[in-house]
Amino acid sequence: MSSEVKLATIRGFRLVTSDPDRLRAFYVALGFTAADPVPIGAAEIEALGLVGDGHRTSMKLGESRLDLDCFDRGGRPYPADADAADLIFQHLALVTSDVRSAWARAMAAGASAISRRGPVPLPPSAGGVTAVKFRDPDGHPLELLEFPAGANPTWSGEGMMGIDHSAVSIAAVEDSIRFYTLHGLRVGNCTLNHGPTQVALDGLEDVVVDVVPMQPRDETPHVELLRYRTPTGRSYPMAATNDIAATRIVWEANQHALLRDPDGHLHQLSR
């Protein structure tokens, strides 16, 4: 990735699905609105390194955009054994004013739990949010966040409000910070999360994780780096662009490109 490429603003996120009708229904149950599917242009298919056809269902939650992409020649399913520490892991964090109600709707719509006890109130050192992690019916990881009243002026509405960030698990903090800062992002307020609430949230034992926000020009949505000191995250084969795990962050940038960060997470850039 050339250092001349600047990541300015996140326009949205793209998930790959093998069953767009099922996944559309899931996100509508969470509060998204959905447009009708449209063909993905041949030039974009080629830029993704694919052949054949594809269709995109665009969805909105407040000002946030989420696209569901389905390709005629599908790739691999989401690895069934991957956990939050593994380097293939990438979740979208959705903000709500009522995390328990949103959690109940997600489970009723076909989610599978990652967190052990449902929504978990995190300590002030970890932001004081109430959070829960789960997977959609295709296996994509998601997180629900409820901020304490008045703690985050960006999110002051009611119900399901939007996408706050995409969090990616990484192997090395310094390498990832270098990558993102070279391309226009800045480091936010970092935390070291651990203890029983983090264990319950991630569904793992002995969790100690560095959380490093990387802020673009427009701070929300942003990218969050997760470096698990323990347990050690496993490497997986790099996801092909038609694999279910190949989530793409879509950026307004100074050129068109498809890029990967040091751990293989995908960024799709457009002017």
Protein backbone atom coordinates (compact mmCIF):
# COMPACT_ATOMS: atom_id res chain seq x y z
CA MET A 1 0.00 0.00 0.00
CA SER A 2 1.60 3.27 -1.07
CA SER A 3 2.03 5.90 1.63
CA GLU A 4 0.52 8.36 -0.87
CA VAL A 5 -2.88 6.69 -0.40
CA LYS A 6 -4.79 8.60 2.28
CA LEU A 7 -7.77 7.09 4.07
CA ALA A 8 -10.12 10.01 4.64
CA THR A 9 -13.64 8.96 5.67
CA ILE A 10 -15.35 5.59 6.05
CA ARG A 11 -18.31 5.49 3.67
CA GLY A 12 -19.58 2.11 4.82
CA PHE A 13 -18.91 -1.59 5.17
CA ARG A 14 -19.39 -4.62 2.93
CA LEU A 15 -20.12 -8.18 4.01
CA VAL A 16 -19.98 -11.22 1.74
CA THR A 17 -22.94 -13.58 1.99
CA SER A 18 -24.02 -16.82 0.39
CA ASP A 19 -27.67 -16.25 1.37
CA PRO A 20 -28.58 -12.58 0.87
CA ASP A 21 -32.29 -13.03 1.61
CA ARG A 22 -31.58 -14.61 5.00
CA LEU A 23 -28.95 -12.03 5.92
CA ARG A 24 -31.10 -9.13 4.75
CA ALA A 25 -33.94 -10.34 7.01
CA PHE A 26 -31.56 -10.58 9.95
CA TYR A 27 -30.32 -7.00 9.63
CA VAL A 28 -33.82 -5.66 9.01
CA ALA A 29 -34.83 -7.31 12.30
CA LEU A 30 -32.02 -5.36 13.98
CA GLY A 31 -33.34 -2.07 12.59
CA PHE A 32 -31.67 -1.62 9.20
CA THR A 33 -33.63 -0.55 6.13
CA ALA A 34 -32.85 -2.34 2.87
CA ALA A 35 -32.96 -1.46 -0.81
CA ASP A 36 -33.57 -3.96 -3.59
CA PRO A 37 -30.53 -5.90 -4.85
CA VAL A 38 -28.62 -4.45 -7.79
CA PRO A 39 -25.86 -5.95 -9.97
CA ILE A 40 -22.26 -5.23 -8.98
CA GLY A 41 -20.51 -3.63 -11.93
CA ALA A 42 -18.12 -5.68 -14.02
CA ALA A 43 -15.25 -3.27 -13.33
CA GLU A 44 -15.64 -3.74 -9.57
CA ILE A 45 -15.88 -7.52 -9.92
CA GLU A 46 -12.61 -7.44 -11.85
CA ALA A 47 -10.98 -5.13 -9.28
CA LEU A 48 -11.88 -7.66 -6.59
CA GLY A 49 -10.01 -10.31 -8.55
CA LEU A 50 -13.18 -12.27 -9.27
CA VAL A 51 -14.99 -13.56 -12.33
CA GLY A 52 -18.70 -13.98 -12.95
CA ASP A 53 -21.51 -11.87 -11.57
CA GLY A 54 -22.53 -10.49 -8.22
CA HIS A 55 -25.40 -8.61 -6.59
CA ARG A 56 -25.41 -6.04 -3.80
CA THR A 57 -28.12 -5.28 -1.25
CA SER A 58 -27.51 -1.85 0.30
CA MET A 59 -28.78 -1.23 3.82
CA LYS A 60 -28.82 1.76 6.15
CA LEU A 61 -28.95 2.26 9.90
CA GLY A 62 -29.18 5.97 10.64
CA GLU A 63 -26.31 7.51 8.67
CA SER A 64 -24.41 4.20 8.50
CA ARG A 65 -24.28 2.05 5.36
CA LEU A 66 -23.86 -1.71 5.15
CA ASP A 67 -23.77 -3.60 1.84
CA LEU A 68 -24.41 -7.32 1.49
CA ASP A 69 -22.50 -8.73 -1.51
CA CYS A 70 -23.33 -12.11 -3.03
CA PHE A 71 -21.18 -13.56 -5.81
CA ASP A 72 -22.19 -16.27 -8.27
CA ARG A 73 -18.89 -17.99 -7.60
CA GLY A 74 -18.86 -18.04 -3.83
CA GLY A 75 -15.85 -18.58 -1.59
CA ARG A 76 -15.21 -20.29 1.71
CA PRO A 77 -17.58 -20.10 4.71
CA TYR A 78 -16.57 -18.24 7.85
CA PRO A 79 -14.17 -20.48 9.83
CA ALA A 80 -16.33 -22.17 12.44
CA ASP A 81 -13.56 -22.37 15.04
CA ALA A 82 -12.32 -18.75 14.79
CA ASP A 83 -12.56 -16.75 18.02
CA ALA A 84 -12.18 -13.06 18.93
CA ALA A 85 -8.39 -13.27 19.32
CA ASP A 86 -7.76 -14.88 15.93
CA LEU A 87 -6.30 -12.65 13.25
CA ILE A 88 -9.15 -13.26 10.80
CA PHE A 89 -11.63 -11.79 13.29
CA GLN A 90 -13.32 -8.48 12.41
CA HIS A 91 -16.50 -7.19 13.97
CA LEU A 92 -18.86 -4.29 13.36
CA ALA A 93 -19.96 -2.41 16.49
CA LEU A 94 -23.59 -1.24 16.39
CA VAL A 95 -24.78 1.44 18.81
CA THR A 96 -28.12 1.18 20.58
CA SER A 97 -29.84 2.94 23.46
CA ASP A 98 -31.19 -0.38 24.76
CA VAL A 99 -28.64 -3.17 24.41
CA ARG A 100 -30.75 -5.84 26.08
CA SER A 101 -33.71 -5.28 23.76
CA ALA A 102 -31.43 -5.26 20.70
CA TRP A 103 -29.69 -8.42 21.94
CA ALA A 104 -33.05 -10.20 22.31
CA ARG A 105 -34.04 -9.22 18.75
CA ALA A 106 -30.71 -10.45 17.40
CA MET A 107 -31.04 -13.82 19.08
CA ALA A 108 -34.63 -14.21 17.91
CA ALA A 109 -33.53 -13.42 14.34
CA GLY A 110 -30.88 -16.16 14.25
CA ALA A 111 -27.75 -14.78 15.93
CA SER A 112 -25.34 -17.07 17.76
CA ALA A 113 -23.67 -15.88 20.95
CA ILE A 114 -19.98 -15.11 21.41
CA SER A 115 -20.32 -13.50 24.84
CA ARG A 116 -21.04 -15.86 27.71
CA ARG A 117 -23.67 -14.01 29.73
CA GLY A 118 -25.35 -11.69 27.28
CA PRO A 119 -24.74 -7.94 27.64
CA VAL A 120 -21.84 -7.11 29.99
CA PRO A 121 -21.26 -3.73 31.74
CA LEU A 122 -17.57 -2.94 31.22
CA PRO A 123 -15.58 -0.98 33.83
CA PRO A 124 -14.84 2.76 33.41
CA SER A 125 -11.27 1.92 32.36
CA ALA A 126 -12.73 0.12 29.32
CA GLY A 127 -15.14 2.93 28.45
CA GLY A 128 -18.00 2.08 30.78
CA VAL A 129 -20.18 0.76 27.94
CA THR A 130 -22.52 -2.19 28.14
CA ALA A 131 -21.57 -4.56 25.33
CA VAL A 132 -22.27 -7.99 23.87
CA LYS A 133 -20.70 -9.91 20.99
CA PHE A 134 -22.41 -12.40 18.67
CA ARG A 135 -22.47 -13.68 15.08
CA ASP A 136 -24.99 -13.13 12.34
CA PRO A 137 -26.41 -16.19 10.52
CA ASP A 138 -23.42 -16.24 8.11
CA GLY A 139 -20.89 -16.10 10.95
CA HIS A 140 -19.85 -12.42 10.71
CA PRO A 141 -19.00 -11.15 14.21
CA LEU A 142 -20.96 -8.19 15.57
CA GLU A 143 -21.00 -6.17 18.77
CA LEU A 144 -23.79 -4.14 20.37
CA LEU A 145 -22.78 -1.07 22.39
CA GLU A 146 -24.83 1.00 24.82
CA PHE A 147 -22.91 4.07 26.00
CA PRO A 148 -23.56 5.57 29.44
CA ALA A 149 -25.96 8.51 29.28
CA GLY A 150 -24.10 11.61 28.09
CA ALA A 151 -20.79 9.79 27.63
CA ASN A 152 -20.68 9.98 23.83
CA PRO A 153 -22.37 12.98 22.17
CA THR A 154 -22.11 11.31 18.76
CA TRP A 155 -24.68 8.76 19.89
CA SER A 156 -27.51 10.50 21.71
CA GLY A 157 -30.61 9.07 20.00
CA GLU A 158 -33.01 6.26 20.78
CA GLY A 159 -33.17 2.70 19.50
CA MET A 160 -30.62 1.35 17.02
CA MET A 161 -28.53 4.30 15.86
CA GLY A 162 -25.63 3.25 13.62
CA ILE A 163 -22.18 1.67 13.24
CA ASP A 164 -19.54 3.11 15.58
CA HIS A 165 -16.48 1.20 14.35
CA SER A 166 -15.04 -1.93 12.85
CA ALA A 167 -12.61 -3.77 15.13
CA VAL A 168 -9.87 -5.99 13.69
CA SER A 169 -7.65 -8.43 15.55
CA ILE A 170 -3.96 -7.83 14.86
CA ALA A 171 -0.60 -9.50 15.45
CA ALA A 172 1.55 -6.45 16.28
CA VAL A 173 0.45 -3.05 17.59
CA GLU A 174 3.47 -1.15 16.25
CA ASP A 175 3.14 -2.58 12.74
CA SER A 176 -0.56 -1.79 12.53
CA ILE A 177 -0.22 1.71 13.98
CA ARG A 178 2.55 2.43 11.48
CA PHE A 179 0.36 1.23 8.61
CA TYR A 180 -2.69 3.29 9.54
CA THR A 181 -0.84 6.47 10.54
CA LEU A 182 1.12 6.44 7.27
CA HIS A 183 -2.22 6.59 5.50
CA GLY A 184 -3.83 9.43 7.36
CA LEU A 185 -5.32 8.03 10.58
CA ARG A 186 -4.32 9.04 14.10
CA VAL A 187 -4.19 7.07 17.33
CA GLY A 188 -7.05 7.65 19.77
CA ASN A 189 -7.29 6.88 23.48
CA CYS A 190 -5.88 3.39 24.02
CA THR A 191 -6.93 1.00 26.77
CA LEU A 192 -5.75 -2.34 28.13
CA ASN A 193 -8.84 -4.46 28.75
CA HIS A 194 -8.81 -7.50 31.02
CA GLY A 195 -10.62 -9.12 33.90
CA PRO A 196 -13.86 -11.09 34.28
CA THR A 197 -16.06 -8.72 32.27
CA GLN A 198 -13.73 -8.88 29.25
CA VAL A 199 -13.56 -12.68 29.62
CA ALA A 200 -17.37 -12.81 29.55
CA LEU A 201 -17.58 -10.39 26.58
CA ASP A 202 -15.09 -12.29 24.39
CA GLY A 203 -16.05 -15.80 25.51
CA LEU A 204 -12.36 -16.60 26.11
CA GLU A 205 -10.16 -17.38 29.10
CA ASP A 206 -7.52 -15.06 30.64
CA VAL A 207 -8.18 -12.19 28.22
CA VAL A 208 -5.68 -9.33 28.12
CA VAL A 209 -6.19 -7.14 25.04
CA ASP A 210 -4.81 -3.81 23.87
CA VAL A 211 -7.57 -1.70 22.29
CA VAL A 212 -6.20 0.98 19.94
CA PRO A 213 -8.69 3.29 18.19
CA MET A 214 -7.48 4.62 14.84
CA GLN A 215 -9.32 7.81 13.91
CA PRO A 216 -9.86 9.00 10.33
CA ARG A 217 -10.71 12.59 9.42
CA ASP A 218 -14.32 11.98 10.43
CA GLU A 219 -13.98 10.16 13.74
CA THR A 220 -17.10 8.03 13.46
CA PRO A 221 -17.09 5.40 12.17
CA HIS A 222 -13.47 4.45 12.83
CA VAL A 223 -11.17 1.44 13.00
CA GLU A 224 -10.29 -0.28 16.27
CA LEU A 225 -7.19 -2.47 16.60
CA LEU A 226 -7.40 -5.42 19.01
CA ARG A 227 -4.09 -6.97 20.04
CA TYR A 228 -4.69 -9.97 22.29
CA ARG A 229 -1.71 -10.51 24.58
CA THR A 230 -3.57 -13.57 25.88
CA PRO A 231 -4.89 -15.78 24.49
CA THR A 232 -2.63 -15.76 21.44
CA GLY A 233 -4.52 -15.23 18.20
CA ARG A 234 -4.13 -17.82 15.47
CA SER A 235 -3.35 -17.09 11.83
CA TYR A 236 -5.67 -18.29 9.07
CA PRO A 237 -5.19 -18.39 5.30
CA MET A 238 -5.75 -14.91 3.89
CA ALA A 239 -9.40 -14.47 2.93
CA ALA A 240 -10.18 -14.26 -0.77
CA THR A 241 -12.50 -11.41 -1.66
CA ASN A 242 -15.46 -13.79 -2.17
CA ASP A 243 -14.95 -15.59 1.18
CA ILE A 244 -17.56 -14.94 3.86
CA ALA A 245 -14.83 -13.61 6.16
CA ALA A 246 -13.72 -10.99 3.60
CA THR A 247 -15.36 -7.95 5.22
CA ARG A 248 -14.40 -4.71 3.44
CA ILE A 249 -14.20 -1.24 4.96
CA VAL A 250 -15.21 1.22 2.24
CA TRP A 251 -13.30 4.52 2.25
CA GLU A 252 -13.51 7.89 0.61
CA ALA A 253 -9.89 8.29 -0.48
CA ASN A 254 -7.65 9.99 -3.01
CA GLN A 255 -7.67 7.08 -5.45
CA HIS A 256 -9.38 3.79 -6.33
CA ALA A 257 -7.73 0.74 -4.79
CA LEU A 258 -8.27 -2.54 -2.95
CA LEU A 259 -5.81 -2.82 -0.07
CA ARG A 260 -4.96 -5.05 2.87
CA ASP A 261 -3.57 -4.07 6.25
CA PRO A 262 -0.63 -6.05 7.75
CA ASP A 263 -2.99 -8.81 8.93
CA GLY A 264 -4.95 -9.08 5.67
CA HIS A 265 -8.05 -7.06 6.57
CA LEU A 266 -9.54 -5.50 3.43
CA HIS A 267 -10.03 -1.83 2.56
CA GLN A 268 -11.86 -0.74 -0.59
CA LEU A 269 -11.01 2.85 -1.63
CA SER A 270 -12.78 5.17 -4.03
CA ARG A 271 -12.58 8.86 -4.88
